[in-house]
Amino acid sequence: MNNNLNDIIGESANQLNIPLIKYKKSFEPRSDQRVFRKLSRKSTFQVACFHSSKDCKYIHSSQDSPDRCSEEILKGCLDICHTTIMKLDIQMQ
């Protein structure tokens, strides 16, 4: 199984010419990705978290709505995910 998910995500972002910064720490204590990070410490489960500091401050709040998301940033995230999945699929063959 693949043990370098974040590296492949980085390669996908580079291939698509989408800026990406890798962080090793959680952004804040109540982040919804912390549960997955905790699981990954006890198994081979891999975790990647996408965070956009250039997006709206209301993301993940009670005032969140789709119109507050940057379409360009969301499309970039989806493109990176799609390219990464395709790369993983090729590796599994």
Protein backbone atom coordinates (compact mmCIF):
# COMPACT_ATOMS: atom_id res chain seq x y z
CA MET A 1 0.00 0.00 0.00
CA ASN A 2 1.06 3.58 -0.53
CA ASN A 3 2.88 5.30 2.34
CA ASN A 4 3.42 8.75 0.87
CA LEU A 5 0.00 10.28 0.28
CA ASN A 6 1.08 13.82 1.10
CA ASP A 7 4.05 13.54 -1.29
CA ILE A 8 1.72 12.47 -4.11
CA ILE A 9 -0.63 15.35 -3.29
CA GLY A 10 2.37 17.71 -3.52
CA GLU A 11 3.40 16.20 -6.87
CA SER A 12 -0.16 16.60 -8.16
CA ALA A 13 -0.25 20.26 -7.11
CA ASN A 14 3.11 20.89 -8.80
CA GLN A 15 1.94 19.12 -11.96
CA LEU A 16 -1.18 21.32 -12.03
CA ASN A 17 0.80 24.45 -11.13
CA ILE A 18 -1.36 25.04 -8.03
CA PRO A 19 0.42 26.57 -5.02
CA LEU A 20 0.51 24.25 -2.01
CA ILE A 21 2.23 24.56 1.36
CA LYS A 22 2.73 21.45 3.50
CA TYR A 23 2.21 21.69 7.25
CA LYS A 24 2.81 18.96 9.81
CA LYS A 25 0.72 20.36 12.65
CA SER A 26 -3.02 20.90 13.07
CA PHE A 27 -4.22 24.45 12.64
CA GLU A 28 -6.35 24.69 15.72
CA PRO A 29 -7.49 22.36 18.52
CA ARG A 30 -11.06 22.01 17.34
CA SER A 31 -10.19 21.22 13.73
CA ASP A 32 -12.26 18.38 12.27
CA GLN A 33 -9.15 16.67 10.87
CA ARG A 34 -7.60 16.03 14.31
CA VAL A 35 -9.60 12.82 14.81
CA PHE A 36 -8.17 11.40 11.60
CA ARG A 37 -4.64 12.46 12.52
CA LYS A 38 -5.00 10.66 15.84
CA LEU A 39 -6.12 7.49 14.03
CA SER A 40 -3.17 7.71 11.66
CA ARG A 41 -0.70 7.58 14.57
CA LYS A 42 -1.99 4.12 15.52
CA SER A 43 -2.19 2.55 12.05
CA THR A 44 -1.11 2.89 8.44
CA PHE A 45 -4.10 5.18 7.78
CA GLN A 46 -2.93 8.32 5.96
CA VAL A 47 -4.36 11.80 6.42
CA ALA A 48 -4.28 14.93 4.30
CA CYS A 49 -6.00 18.17 5.27
CA PHE A 50 -6.70 20.98 2.83
CA HIS A 51 -6.83 24.42 4.42
CA SER A 52 -7.20 27.70 2.60
CA SER A 53 -5.98 30.75 4.48
CA LYS A 54 -7.03 32.81 1.46
CA ASP A 55 -10.66 31.76 1.73
CA CYS A 56 -13.42 33.27 3.85
CA LYS A 57 -13.13 33.42 7.65
CA TYR A 58 -16.61 31.87 7.95
CA ILE A 59 -15.58 28.48 6.57
CA HIS A 60 -16.51 25.73 9.07
CA SER A 61 -18.66 28.08 11.13
CA SER A 62 -22.41 28.42 11.61
CA GLN A 63 -22.30 31.22 9.02
CA ASP A 64 -20.72 29.00 6.37
CA SER A 65 -22.43 28.63 2.99
CA PRO A 66 -21.25 27.56 -0.47
CA ASP A 67 -21.33 31.11 -1.81
CA ARG A 68 -18.62 32.09 0.70
CA CYS A 69 -16.12 29.63 -0.80
CA SER A 70 -13.69 30.74 -3.46
CA GLU A 71 -14.60 28.85 -6.65
CA GLU A 72 -10.99 29.04 -7.83
CA ILE A 73 -9.61 27.58 -4.60
CA LEU A 74 -12.28 24.87 -4.44
CA LYS A 75 -11.64 23.90 -8.07
CA GLY A 76 -7.90 23.72 -7.37
CA CYS A 77 -8.54 21.43 -4.40
CA LEU A 78 -10.77 19.16 -6.49
CA ASP A 79 -8.23 19.09 -9.33
CA ILE A 80 -5.45 18.11 -6.88
CA CYS A 81 -7.65 15.38 -5.37
CA HIS A 82 -8.60 14.00 -8.79
CA THR A 83 -5.01 13.95 -10.03
CA THR A 84 -3.85 12.32 -6.78
CA ILE A 85 -6.52 9.61 -7.05
CA MET A 86 -5.47 8.89 -10.63
CA LYS A 87 -1.81 8.58 -9.54
CA LEU A 88 -2.79 6.23 -6.69
CA ASP A 89 -4.91 4.18 -9.05
CA ILE A 90 -1.94 3.72 -11.40
CA GLN A 91 0.27 2.66 -8.47
CA MET A 92 -2.24 0.02 -7.40
CA GLN A 93 -2.24 -1.67 -10.82
